[in-house]
N, C-alpha and C. Protein backbone atom coordinates (compact mmCIF):
# COMPACT_ATOMS: atom_id res chain seq x y z
N UNK A 1 6.74 -7.62 -12.50
CA UNK A 1 5.47 -8.34 -12.37
C UNK A 1 4.63 -7.69 -11.28
N UNK A 2 3.30 -7.64 -11.49
CA UNK A 2 2.39 -7.09 -10.50
C UNK A 2 1.62 -8.24 -9.85
N UNK A 3 1.56 -8.20 -8.54
CA UNK A 3 0.88 -9.26 -7.80
C UNK A 3 -0.37 -8.68 -7.15
N UNK A 4 -1.51 -9.29 -7.38
CA UNK A 4 -2.76 -8.84 -6.77
C UNK A 4 -3.05 -9.67 -5.52
N UNK A 5 -3.57 -8.99 -4.52
CA UNK A 5 -4.00 -9.67 -3.30
C UNK A 5 -5.52 -9.79 -3.38
N UNK A 6 -6.06 -10.98 -3.71
CA UNK A 6 -7.45 -11.13 -4.13
C UNK A 6 -8.47 -11.02 -3.00
N UNK A 7 -8.77 -9.79 -2.62
CA UNK A 7 -9.81 -9.54 -1.64
C UNK A 7 -10.32 -8.13 -1.88
N UNK A 8 -11.62 -7.96 -1.97
CA UNK A 8 -12.20 -6.65 -2.21
C UNK A 8 -12.19 -5.86 -0.91
N UNK A 9 -11.59 -4.68 -0.96
CA UNK A 9 -11.51 -3.83 0.23
C UNK A 9 -11.94 -2.42 -0.14
N UNK A 10 -12.31 -1.64 0.86
CA UNK A 10 -12.62 -0.23 0.64
C UNK A 10 -11.32 0.57 0.63
N UNK A 11 -11.41 1.81 0.19
CA UNK A 11 -10.23 2.66 0.18
C UNK A 11 -9.72 2.87 1.60
N UNK A 12 -10.62 3.06 2.55
CA UNK A 12 -10.20 3.26 3.95
C UNK A 12 -9.50 2.03 4.49
N UNK A 13 -9.99 0.84 4.15
CA UNK A 13 -9.32 -0.39 4.58
C UNK A 13 -7.94 -0.51 3.95
N UNK A 14 -7.84 -0.11 2.70
CA UNK A 14 -6.55 -0.13 2.00
C UNK A 14 -5.56 0.79 2.69
N UNK A 15 -5.98 2.00 3.03
CA UNK A 15 -5.10 2.96 3.68
C UNK A 15 -4.66 2.45 5.05
N UNK A 16 -5.59 1.87 5.80
CA UNK A 16 -5.25 1.34 7.13
C UNK A 16 -4.26 0.18 7.02
N UNK A 17 -4.38 -0.60 5.96
CA UNK A 17 -3.51 -1.78 5.78
C UNK A 17 -2.17 -1.43 5.18
N UNK A 18 -2.12 -0.43 4.30
CA UNK A 18 -0.96 -0.17 3.45
C UNK A 18 0.32 0.00 4.27
N UNK A 19 1.33 -0.84 4.02
CA UNK A 19 2.60 -0.73 4.75
C UNK A 19 3.44 0.42 4.23
N UNK A 20 4.40 0.83 5.03
CA UNK A 20 5.27 1.95 4.64
C UNK A 20 6.34 1.51 3.64
N UNK A 21 6.60 0.22 3.56
CA UNK A 21 7.60 -0.31 2.62
C UNK A 21 6.88 -1.01 1.48
N UNK A 22 7.36 -0.78 0.26
CA UNK A 22 6.74 -1.37 -0.91
C UNK A 22 5.77 -0.41 -1.58
N UNK A 23 5.38 -0.73 -2.80
CA UNK A 23 4.47 0.12 -3.57
C UNK A 23 3.19 -0.65 -3.86
N UNK A 24 2.09 -0.11 -3.40
CA UNK A 24 0.80 -0.77 -3.56
C UNK A 24 -0.21 0.21 -4.14
N UNK A 25 -1.10 -0.33 -4.96
CA UNK A 25 -2.21 0.45 -5.51
C UNK A 25 -3.50 -0.31 -5.27
N UNK A 26 -4.61 0.40 -5.41
CA UNK A 26 -5.93 -0.21 -5.29
C UNK A 26 -6.60 -0.15 -6.65
N UNK A 27 -6.98 -1.32 -7.16
CA UNK A 27 -7.61 -1.38 -8.48
C UNK A 27 -9.00 -1.99 -8.34
N UNK A 28 -10.01 -1.16 -8.41
CA UNK A 28 -11.40 -1.63 -8.27
C UNK A 28 -11.58 -2.47 -7.02
N UNK A 29 -11.01 -2.00 -5.93
CA UNK A 29 -11.18 -2.67 -4.64
C UNK A 29 -10.20 -3.78 -4.36
N UNK A 30 -9.30 -4.07 -5.29
CA UNK A 30 -8.31 -5.14 -5.12
C UNK A 30 -6.94 -4.51 -4.90
N UNK A 31 -6.25 -4.93 -3.84
CA UNK A 31 -4.91 -4.43 -3.55
C UNK A 31 -3.91 -5.08 -4.50
N UNK A 32 -3.10 -4.25 -5.16
CA UNK A 32 -2.13 -4.74 -6.13
C UNK A 32 -0.74 -4.28 -5.69
N UNK A 33 0.19 -5.22 -5.62
CA UNK A 33 1.57 -4.89 -5.28
C UNK A 33 2.37 -4.72 -6.57
N UNK A 34 3.01 -3.57 -6.71
CA UNK A 34 3.86 -3.32 -7.87
C UNK A 34 5.28 -3.77 -7.58
N UNK A 35 5.90 -4.37 -8.59
CA UNK A 35 7.27 -4.86 -8.41
C UNK A 35 8.24 -3.69 -8.36
N UNK A 36 9.43 -3.95 -7.82
CA UNK A 36 10.46 -2.92 -7.74
C UNK A 36 10.87 -2.48 -9.14
N UNK A 37 10.83 -1.18 -9.45
CA UNK A 37 11.20 -0.72 -10.80
C UNK A 37 12.67 -1.00 -11.11
N UNK A 38 12.98 -1.10 -12.40
CA UNK A 38 14.35 -1.25 -12.84
C UNK A 38 15.13 0.03 -12.59
N UNK A 39 16.45 -0.10 -12.54
CA UNK A 39 17.29 1.06 -12.31
C UNK A 39 17.11 2.13 -13.36
N UNK A 40 16.97 1.72 -14.64
CA UNK A 40 16.79 2.68 -15.73
C UNK A 40 15.50 3.48 -15.54
N UNK A 41 14.46 2.79 -15.11
CA UNK A 41 13.17 3.42 -14.82
C UNK A 41 13.35 4.52 -13.78
N UNK A 42 14.08 4.22 -12.72
CA UNK A 42 14.28 5.19 -11.65
C UNK A 42 15.18 6.35 -12.09
N UNK A 43 16.14 6.08 -12.98
CA UNK A 43 17.00 7.15 -13.47
C UNK A 43 16.21 8.15 -14.31
N UNK A 44 15.27 7.65 -15.11
CA UNK A 44 14.42 8.54 -15.90
C UNK A 44 13.59 9.43 -14.98
N UNK A 45 13.01 8.84 -13.95
CA UNK A 45 12.21 9.62 -13.00
C UNK A 45 13.07 10.69 -12.33
N UNK A 46 14.27 10.32 -11.90
CA UNK A 46 15.15 11.28 -11.24
C UNK A 46 15.49 12.44 -12.17
N UNK A 47 15.76 12.12 -13.44
CA UNK A 47 16.09 13.15 -14.43
C UNK A 47 14.91 14.10 -14.64
N UNK A 48 13.71 13.55 -14.73
CA UNK A 48 12.52 14.39 -14.92
C UNK A 48 12.22 15.23 -13.70
N UNK A 49 12.37 14.66 -12.52
CA UNK A 49 12.15 15.44 -11.29
C UNK A 49 13.08 16.64 -11.26
N UNK A 50 14.34 16.41 -11.57
CA UNK A 50 15.31 17.51 -11.56
C UNK A 50 14.93 18.60 -12.54
N UNK A 51 14.58 18.23 -13.77
CA UNK A 51 14.30 19.22 -14.80
C UNK A 51 12.97 19.92 -14.58
N UNK A 52 11.95 19.21 -14.15
CA UNK A 52 10.66 19.84 -13.90
C UNK A 52 10.72 20.75 -12.69
N UNK A 53 11.48 20.35 -11.68
CA UNK A 53 11.64 21.20 -10.50
C UNK A 53 12.33 22.51 -10.87
N UNK A 54 13.37 22.42 -11.69
CA UNK A 54 14.04 23.63 -12.15
C UNK A 54 13.08 24.54 -12.92
N UNK A 55 12.23 23.94 -13.73
CA UNK A 55 11.33 24.74 -14.56
C UNK A 55 10.24 25.42 -13.75
N UNK A 56 9.57 24.69 -12.86
CA UNK A 56 8.51 25.36 -12.10
C UNK A 56 9.09 26.33 -11.07
N UNK A 57 10.31 26.09 -10.62
CA UNK A 57 10.96 27.05 -9.72
C UNK A 57 11.32 28.33 -10.48
N UNK A 58 11.81 28.16 -11.70
CA UNK A 58 12.15 29.33 -12.53
C UNK A 58 10.92 30.18 -12.80
N UNK A 59 9.79 29.53 -13.01
CA UNK A 59 8.54 30.23 -13.29
C UNK A 59 7.82 30.70 -12.02
N UNK A 60 8.39 30.36 -10.87
CA UNK A 60 7.81 30.74 -9.56
C UNK A 60 6.37 30.22 -9.41
N UNK A 61 6.17 28.97 -9.82
CA UNK A 61 4.87 28.33 -9.68
C UNK A 61 4.81 27.59 -8.35
N UNK A 62 3.66 27.56 -7.70
CA UNK A 62 3.54 26.95 -6.36
C UNK A 62 3.39 25.44 -6.40
N UNK A 63 4.28 24.78 -7.13
CA UNK A 63 4.17 23.35 -7.32
C UNK A 63 5.16 22.60 -6.43
N UNK A 64 4.99 21.30 -6.36
CA UNK A 64 5.92 20.43 -5.65
C UNK A 64 5.80 19.02 -6.20
N UNK A 65 6.86 18.23 -6.05
CA UNK A 65 6.86 16.84 -6.48
C UNK A 65 7.08 15.97 -5.25
N UNK A 66 6.04 15.32 -4.76
CA UNK A 66 6.16 14.51 -3.54
C UNK A 66 6.78 13.16 -3.83
N UNK A 67 7.15 12.48 -2.77
CA UNK A 67 7.74 11.15 -2.91
C UNK A 67 6.67 10.10 -3.14
N UNK A 68 5.64 10.10 -2.32
CA UNK A 68 4.60 9.08 -2.41
C UNK A 68 3.24 9.70 -2.10
N UNK A 69 2.42 9.84 -3.14
CA UNK A 69 1.06 10.35 -2.98
C UNK A 69 0.15 9.50 -3.85
N UNK A 70 -1.04 9.22 -3.36
CA UNK A 70 -2.01 8.47 -4.13
C UNK A 70 -2.94 9.40 -4.89
N UNK A 71 -3.33 8.98 -6.08
CA UNK A 71 -4.33 9.68 -6.87
C UNK A 71 -5.57 8.80 -6.91
N UNK A 72 -6.67 9.33 -6.37
CA UNK A 72 -7.89 8.53 -6.28
C UNK A 72 -9.03 9.21 -7.04
N UNK A 73 -9.51 8.60 -8.10
CA UNK A 73 -10.71 9.14 -8.74
C UNK A 73 -11.88 9.14 -7.74
N UNK A 74 -12.68 10.20 -7.76
CA UNK A 74 -13.84 10.25 -6.88
C UNK A 74 -14.81 9.12 -7.21
N UNK A 75 -15.50 8.65 -6.19
CA UNK A 75 -16.51 7.59 -6.37
C UNK A 75 -15.92 6.37 -7.06
N UNK A 76 -14.71 6.00 -6.68
CA UNK A 76 -14.05 4.86 -7.31
C UNK A 76 -13.30 4.05 -6.26
N UNK A 77 -13.23 2.75 -6.48
CA UNK A 77 -12.45 1.89 -5.61
C UNK A 77 -11.04 1.70 -6.13
N UNK A 78 -10.49 2.74 -6.74
CA UNK A 78 -9.16 2.69 -7.34
C UNK A 78 -8.32 3.83 -6.79
N UNK A 79 -7.03 3.56 -6.57
CA UNK A 79 -6.08 4.60 -6.15
C UNK A 79 -4.72 4.24 -6.73
N UNK A 80 -4.14 5.17 -7.47
CA UNK A 80 -2.86 4.95 -8.13
C UNK A 80 -1.73 5.65 -7.40
N UNK A 81 -0.53 5.07 -7.53
CA UNK A 81 0.69 5.69 -7.03
C UNK A 81 1.56 6.02 -8.25
N UNK A 82 1.42 7.24 -8.81
CA UNK A 82 2.12 7.56 -10.06
C UNK A 82 3.63 7.57 -9.89
N UNK A 83 4.34 7.37 -11.00
CA UNK A 83 5.80 7.46 -10.97
C UNK A 83 6.25 8.87 -10.65
N UNK A 84 5.54 9.86 -11.18
CA UNK A 84 5.85 11.26 -10.88
C UNK A 84 4.55 12.03 -10.87
N UNK A 85 4.38 12.81 -9.82
CA UNK A 85 3.15 13.57 -9.63
C UNK A 85 3.51 15.01 -9.29
N UNK A 86 2.98 15.94 -10.07
CA UNK A 86 3.18 17.36 -9.79
C UNK A 86 1.96 17.86 -9.03
N UNK A 87 2.20 18.46 -7.86
CA UNK A 87 1.12 18.95 -7.03
C UNK A 87 1.04 20.47 -7.08
N UNK A 88 -0.19 20.97 -7.13
CA UNK A 88 -0.45 22.40 -6.96
C UNK A 88 -0.72 22.62 -5.47
N UNK A 89 0.29 23.05 -4.73
CA UNK A 89 0.22 23.05 -3.27
C UNK A 89 -0.92 23.89 -2.69
N UNK A 90 -1.22 25.07 -3.23
CA UNK A 90 -2.32 25.85 -2.62
C UNK A 90 -3.66 25.15 -2.65
N UNK A 91 -3.86 24.24 -3.60
CA UNK A 91 -5.16 23.57 -3.70
C UNK A 91 -5.30 22.40 -2.74
N UNK A 92 -4.21 22.00 -2.10
CA UNK A 92 -4.28 20.83 -1.22
C UNK A 92 -5.22 21.06 -0.04
N UNK A 93 -5.44 22.32 0.32
CA UNK A 93 -6.36 22.62 1.43
C UNK A 93 -7.78 22.17 1.13
N UNK A 94 -8.12 22.00 -0.14
CA UNK A 94 -9.47 21.58 -0.52
C UNK A 94 -9.60 20.06 -0.62
N UNK A 95 -8.49 19.36 -0.50
CA UNK A 95 -8.50 17.91 -0.66
C UNK A 95 -8.87 17.22 0.67
N UNK A 96 -10.01 16.54 0.74
CA UNK A 96 -10.44 15.95 2.01
C UNK A 96 -9.56 14.83 2.52
N UNK A 97 -8.84 14.17 1.63
CA UNK A 97 -8.01 13.03 2.05
C UNK A 97 -6.52 13.38 2.10
N UNK A 98 -6.18 14.64 1.91
CA UNK A 98 -4.77 14.99 1.86
C UNK A 98 -4.08 14.90 3.21
N UNK A 99 -4.63 15.54 4.21
CA UNK A 99 -3.94 15.69 5.49
C UNK A 99 -3.65 14.35 6.15
N UNK A 100 -4.61 13.45 6.14
CA UNK A 100 -4.46 12.20 6.87
C UNK A 100 -4.13 10.99 6.00
N UNK A 101 -4.33 11.11 4.68
CA UNK A 101 -4.13 9.95 3.81
C UNK A 101 -3.21 10.22 2.62
N UNK A 102 -2.64 11.40 2.53
CA UNK A 102 -1.73 11.75 1.42
C UNK A 102 -2.31 11.36 0.07
N UNK A 103 -3.57 11.72 -0.13
CA UNK A 103 -4.31 11.33 -1.32
C UNK A 103 -4.99 12.55 -1.92
N UNK A 104 -4.93 12.64 -3.28
CA UNK A 104 -5.57 13.74 -3.98
C UNK A 104 -6.56 13.20 -5.00
N UNK A 105 -7.60 14.00 -5.26
CA UNK A 105 -8.66 13.58 -6.16
C UNK A 105 -9.11 14.67 -7.12
N UNK A 106 -8.73 15.91 -6.88
CA UNK A 106 -9.23 17.02 -7.68
C UNK A 106 -8.21 17.43 -8.74
N UNK A 107 -8.72 17.69 -9.94
CA UNK A 107 -7.85 18.06 -11.04
C UNK A 107 -7.03 19.31 -10.73
N UNK A 108 -7.60 20.25 -9.97
CA UNK A 108 -6.88 21.48 -9.66
C UNK A 108 -5.64 21.24 -8.81
N UNK A 109 -5.57 20.10 -8.16
CA UNK A 109 -4.41 19.76 -7.33
C UNK A 109 -3.32 19.06 -8.13
N UNK A 110 -3.65 18.61 -9.36
CA UNK A 110 -2.76 17.72 -10.11
C UNK A 110 -2.52 18.29 -11.50
N UNK A 111 -1.57 19.20 -11.69
CA UNK A 111 -1.31 19.75 -13.02
C UNK A 111 -0.74 18.73 -14.00
N UNK A 112 0.01 17.75 -13.47
CA UNK A 112 0.74 16.84 -14.37
C UNK A 112 1.01 15.52 -13.67
N UNK A 113 0.84 14.43 -14.42
CA UNK A 113 1.22 13.09 -13.96
C UNK A 113 2.11 12.46 -15.03
N UNK A 114 3.14 11.73 -14.58
CA UNK A 114 4.03 11.02 -15.49
C UNK A 114 4.08 9.55 -15.08
N UNK A 115 3.92 8.66 -16.05
CA UNK A 115 4.11 7.23 -15.83
C UNK A 115 5.21 6.74 -16.77
N UNK A 116 6.12 5.95 -16.24
CA UNK A 116 7.17 5.32 -17.04
C UNK A 116 6.75 3.86 -17.26
N UNK A 117 6.69 3.45 -18.51
CA UNK A 117 6.10 2.16 -18.86
C UNK A 117 6.99 1.00 -18.42
N UNK A 118 6.36 0.02 -17.80
CA UNK A 118 6.99 -1.26 -17.49
C UNK A 118 6.26 -2.33 -18.30
N UNK A 119 6.43 -3.58 -17.94
CA UNK A 119 5.79 -4.65 -18.71
C UNK A 119 4.27 -4.58 -18.65
N UNK A 120 3.73 -3.94 -17.62
CA UNK A 120 2.28 -3.79 -17.50
C UNK A 120 1.80 -2.53 -18.24
N UNK A 121 2.18 -2.41 -19.51
CA UNK A 121 1.91 -1.19 -20.27
C UNK A 121 0.43 -0.91 -20.44
N UNK A 122 -0.41 -1.90 -20.41
CA UNK A 122 -1.85 -1.67 -20.56
C UNK A 122 -2.40 -0.79 -19.44
N UNK A 123 -1.81 -0.89 -18.25
CA UNK A 123 -2.26 -0.04 -17.16
C UNK A 123 -2.09 1.43 -17.51
N UNK A 124 -0.95 1.78 -18.09
CA UNK A 124 -0.65 3.18 -18.39
C UNK A 124 -1.47 3.71 -19.56
N UNK A 125 -1.58 2.92 -20.63
CA UNK A 125 -2.25 3.38 -21.84
C UNK A 125 -3.77 3.26 -21.78
N UNK A 126 -4.28 2.34 -20.99
CA UNK A 126 -5.72 2.11 -20.93
C UNK A 126 -6.33 2.60 -19.62
N UNK A 127 -6.01 1.90 -18.52
CA UNK A 127 -6.68 2.19 -17.25
C UNK A 127 -6.36 3.59 -16.73
N UNK A 128 -5.07 3.89 -16.63
CA UNK A 128 -4.69 5.17 -16.03
C UNK A 128 -5.06 6.34 -16.94
N UNK A 129 -4.88 6.18 -18.23
CA UNK A 129 -5.26 7.26 -19.15
C UNK A 129 -6.75 7.58 -19.00
N UNK A 130 -7.57 6.54 -18.90
CA UNK A 130 -9.01 6.76 -18.74
C UNK A 130 -9.36 7.42 -17.43
N UNK A 131 -8.73 6.97 -16.36
CA UNK A 131 -9.05 7.54 -15.04
C UNK A 131 -8.50 8.95 -14.89
N UNK A 132 -7.29 9.20 -15.39
CA UNK A 132 -6.73 10.54 -15.30
C UNK A 132 -7.55 11.52 -16.14
N UNK A 133 -8.05 11.05 -17.28
CA UNK A 133 -8.93 11.88 -18.10
C UNK A 133 -10.23 12.18 -17.35
N UNK A 134 -10.79 11.16 -16.70
CA UNK A 134 -12.04 11.35 -15.96
C UNK A 134 -11.86 12.34 -14.82
N UNK A 135 -10.73 12.27 -14.13
CA UNK A 135 -10.46 13.23 -13.05
C UNK A 135 -10.36 14.64 -13.63
N UNK A 136 -9.81 14.75 -14.83
CA UNK A 136 -9.61 16.05 -15.45
C UNK A 136 -8.19 16.57 -15.32
N UNK A 137 -7.23 15.66 -15.14
CA UNK A 137 -5.82 16.05 -15.05
C UNK A 137 -5.39 16.64 -16.39
N UNK A 138 -4.84 17.85 -16.35
CA UNK A 138 -4.61 18.62 -17.58
C UNK A 138 -3.57 17.99 -18.48
N UNK A 139 -2.57 17.32 -17.89
CA UNK A 139 -1.48 16.80 -18.72
C UNK A 139 -0.98 15.47 -18.16
N UNK A 140 -0.78 14.51 -19.03
CA UNK A 140 -0.36 13.16 -18.65
C UNK A 140 0.69 12.68 -19.63
N UNK A 141 1.88 12.35 -19.11
CA UNK A 141 2.96 11.84 -19.95
C UNK A 141 3.10 10.33 -19.75
N UNK A 142 3.28 9.61 -20.85
CA UNK A 142 3.66 8.20 -20.81
C UNK A 142 5.06 8.09 -21.43
N UNK A 143 6.03 7.70 -20.62
CA UNK A 143 7.41 7.54 -21.09
C UNK A 143 7.64 6.06 -21.37
N UNK A 144 7.59 5.69 -22.65
CA UNK A 144 7.74 4.29 -23.05
C UNK A 144 9.14 4.12 -23.63
N UNK A 145 10.14 4.07 -22.74
CA UNK A 145 11.54 4.13 -23.18
C UNK A 145 12.03 2.82 -23.82
N UNK A 146 11.30 1.74 -23.62
CA UNK A 146 11.65 0.46 -24.23
C UNK A 146 10.75 0.10 -25.41
N UNK A 147 9.78 0.96 -25.72
CA UNK A 147 8.86 0.66 -26.81
C UNK A 147 8.03 -0.57 -26.55
N UNK A 148 7.46 -0.68 -25.37
CA UNK A 148 6.72 -1.87 -24.97
C UNK A 148 5.23 -1.80 -25.30
N UNK A 149 4.71 -0.60 -25.45
CA UNK A 149 3.27 -0.42 -25.63
C UNK A 149 2.74 -1.08 -26.89
N UNK A 150 1.42 -1.27 -26.91
CA UNK A 150 0.79 -1.86 -28.08
C UNK A 150 0.97 -1.00 -29.33
N UNK A 151 0.96 -1.63 -30.49
CA UNK A 151 1.17 -0.90 -31.75
C UNK A 151 0.09 0.14 -31.98
N UNK A 152 -1.10 -0.08 -31.45
CA UNK A 152 -2.16 0.91 -31.63
C UNK A 152 -1.88 2.18 -30.84
N UNK A 153 -0.94 2.09 -29.90
CA UNK A 153 -0.57 3.26 -29.10
C UNK A 153 0.72 3.92 -29.57
N UNK A 154 1.73 3.13 -29.97
CA UNK A 154 3.03 3.73 -30.32
C UNK A 154 3.44 3.48 -31.76
N UNK A 155 2.57 2.82 -32.56
CA UNK A 155 2.86 2.64 -33.96
C UNK A 155 3.61 1.35 -34.27
N UNK A 156 3.79 1.12 -35.56
CA UNK A 156 4.45 -0.09 -36.05
C UNK A 156 5.49 0.31 -37.10
N UNK A 157 6.78 -0.02 -36.93
CA UNK A 157 7.33 -0.83 -35.83
C UNK A 157 7.37 -0.08 -34.50
N UNK A 158 7.37 -0.85 -33.44
CA UNK A 158 7.45 -0.25 -32.12
C UNK A 158 8.80 0.43 -31.93
N UNK A 159 8.79 1.55 -31.24
CA UNK A 159 10.03 2.23 -30.89
C UNK A 159 9.80 3.08 -29.66
N UNK A 160 10.86 3.44 -28.96
CA UNK A 160 10.70 4.29 -27.77
C UNK A 160 9.91 5.55 -28.11
N UNK A 161 8.91 5.83 -27.30
CA UNK A 161 7.98 6.92 -27.59
C UNK A 161 7.55 7.62 -26.30
N UNK A 162 7.47 8.93 -26.37
CA UNK A 162 6.87 9.70 -25.28
C UNK A 162 5.53 10.22 -25.78
N UNK A 163 4.47 9.85 -25.09
CA UNK A 163 3.12 10.31 -25.43
C UNK A 163 2.69 11.34 -24.40
N UNK A 164 2.34 12.53 -24.88
CA UNK A 164 1.86 13.58 -23.98
C UNK A 164 0.39 13.83 -24.27
N UNK A 165 -0.43 13.53 -23.27
CA UNK A 165 -1.88 13.70 -23.37
C UNK A 165 -2.27 15.05 -22.78
N UNK A 166 -2.98 15.83 -23.57
CA UNK A 166 -3.45 17.14 -23.12
C UNK A 166 -4.97 17.11 -23.07
N UNK A 167 -5.54 17.60 -21.96
CA UNK A 167 -7.00 17.62 -21.82
C UNK A 167 -7.56 18.78 -22.63
N UNK A 168 -8.41 18.47 -23.60
CA UNK A 168 -9.05 19.47 -24.45
C UNK A 168 -10.56 19.20 -24.44
N UNK A 169 -11.32 20.12 -23.87
CA UNK A 169 -12.78 19.98 -23.77
C UNK A 169 -13.17 18.64 -23.15
N UNK A 170 -12.45 18.28 -22.09
CA UNK A 170 -12.79 17.09 -21.32
C UNK A 170 -12.25 15.79 -21.85
N UNK A 171 -11.52 15.81 -22.97
CA UNK A 171 -10.97 14.59 -23.54
C UNK A 171 -9.48 14.77 -23.82
N UNK A 172 -8.75 13.66 -23.73
CA UNK A 172 -7.32 13.71 -24.01
C UNK A 172 -7.05 13.71 -25.52
N UNK A 173 -6.15 14.60 -25.92
CA UNK A 173 -5.56 14.56 -27.24
C UNK A 173 -4.07 14.30 -27.06
N UNK A 174 -3.52 13.42 -27.90
CA UNK A 174 -2.15 12.96 -27.68
C UNK A 174 -1.22 13.46 -28.75
N UNK A 175 -0.02 13.87 -28.32
CA UNK A 175 1.10 14.18 -29.21
C UNK A 175 2.23 13.24 -28.84
N UNK A 176 2.99 12.78 -29.86
CA UNK A 176 4.04 11.80 -29.59
C UNK A 176 5.40 12.30 -30.06
N UNK A 177 6.43 11.87 -29.32
CA UNK A 177 7.78 12.36 -29.56
C UNK A 177 8.76 11.18 -29.51
N UNK A 178 9.70 11.19 -30.47
CA UNK A 178 10.68 10.11 -30.59
C UNK A 178 12.03 10.71 -30.96
N UNK A 179 13.07 9.96 -30.67
CA UNK A 179 14.44 10.30 -31.08
C UNK A 179 14.79 11.73 -30.72
N UNK A 180 15.11 12.56 -31.71
CA UNK A 180 15.57 13.93 -31.43
C UNK A 180 14.43 14.94 -31.36
N UNK A 181 13.17 14.48 -31.37
CA UNK A 181 12.04 15.40 -31.25
C UNK A 181 12.12 16.18 -29.95
N UNK A 182 11.87 17.48 -30.03
CA UNK A 182 11.80 18.30 -28.82
C UNK A 182 10.44 18.10 -28.18
N UNK A 183 10.45 17.80 -26.89
CA UNK A 183 9.21 17.62 -26.14
C UNK A 183 8.42 18.92 -26.14
N UNK A 184 7.13 18.82 -26.45
CA UNK A 184 6.24 19.98 -26.39
C UNK A 184 5.23 19.74 -25.27
N UNK A 185 5.43 20.45 -24.17
CA UNK A 185 4.57 20.30 -23.01
C UNK A 185 3.68 21.53 -22.88
N UNK A 186 2.36 21.38 -22.97
CA UNK A 186 1.49 22.53 -22.76
C UNK A 186 1.69 23.17 -21.39
N UNK A 187 2.03 22.37 -20.39
CA UNK A 187 2.24 22.89 -19.04
C UNK A 187 3.52 23.72 -18.96
N UNK A 188 4.58 23.25 -19.65
CA UNK A 188 5.88 23.92 -19.60
C UNK A 188 6.38 24.13 -21.03
N UNK A 189 5.84 25.11 -21.75
CA UNK A 189 6.16 25.28 -23.16
C UNK A 189 7.61 25.63 -23.44
N UNK A 190 8.35 26.11 -22.43
CA UNK A 190 9.74 26.47 -22.64
C UNK A 190 10.71 25.37 -22.19
N UNK A 191 10.18 24.23 -21.82
CA UNK A 191 11.02 23.12 -21.39
C UNK A 191 11.86 22.63 -22.56
N UNK A 192 13.17 22.66 -22.40
CA UNK A 192 14.09 22.34 -23.50
C UNK A 192 14.65 20.94 -23.34
N UNK A 193 13.84 19.93 -23.68
CA UNK A 193 14.27 18.54 -23.60
C UNK A 193 13.85 17.82 -24.87
N UNK A 194 14.68 16.89 -25.33
CA UNK A 194 14.29 16.03 -26.43
C UNK A 194 13.93 14.65 -25.87
N UNK A 195 13.23 13.88 -26.70
CA UNK A 195 12.89 12.52 -26.29
C UNK A 195 14.15 11.72 -25.98
N UNK A 196 15.17 11.84 -26.82
CA UNK A 196 16.39 11.06 -26.63
C UNK A 196 17.11 11.43 -25.34
N UNK A 197 17.06 12.69 -24.96
CA UNK A 197 17.69 13.09 -23.69
C UNK A 197 17.05 12.37 -22.51
N UNK A 198 15.77 12.10 -22.61
CA UNK A 198 15.08 11.34 -21.56
C UNK A 198 15.37 9.85 -21.70
N UNK A 199 15.32 9.34 -22.94
CA UNK A 199 15.53 7.91 -23.15
C UNK A 199 16.92 7.45 -22.77
N UNK A 200 17.92 8.32 -22.87
CA UNK A 200 19.29 7.90 -22.61
C UNK A 200 19.48 7.41 -21.18
N UNK A 201 18.59 7.86 -20.27
CA UNK A 201 18.70 7.38 -18.89
C UNK A 201 18.07 6.00 -18.73
N UNK A 202 17.41 5.54 -19.79
CA UNK A 202 16.85 4.19 -19.76
C UNK A 202 17.61 3.24 -20.65
N UNK A 203 18.85 3.58 -21.00
CA UNK A 203 19.66 2.69 -21.84
C UNK A 203 20.96 2.39 -21.14
N UNK A 204 21.72 1.51 -21.73
CA UNK A 204 23.01 1.12 -21.15
C UNK A 204 24.13 2.08 -21.58
N UNK A 205 23.79 3.03 -22.46
CA UNK A 205 24.81 3.94 -22.97
C UNK A 205 25.14 5.04 -21.98
């Protein structure tokens, strides 16, 4: 469950207030507390961090996966804390809020964002997809390991689905993967993972 703290604040006020414990985001000026993720959710993130780190290290790309960084669309009272964020480290020098606020806003700093779906699936499929597209983030994954998303997003009947959004001429185009489908990532075309290999960390098996 997500709890909102009903008071409109600026991004600077949010940063000054934000505690070191807990996960908080800013949504149109309203501070929102995110609930503690389930263990399966965290296992999927750990698995992806391991595999993506191996891949960008193999390719000798100047990337990194931080623990906690905010993504803030420019000219917006919103700031997200993604489940997984890939940073292009050389570009961080151009980010005005990086050094003191651990916040990025430029597409060149953010090659890839991953969100793992919880009960608040509308945030991932609607709000975040729109804002990440507006920023110009080249690739956005939605890992819906429980098949919670709306049928207009993952089909009918609902089933566990990985949606990979690729920015093409300023708009997202989506490809979807299920069961034994091999993930096709424009960012990492040689990544050898299937949807089920990712989903298995979100099951009891």
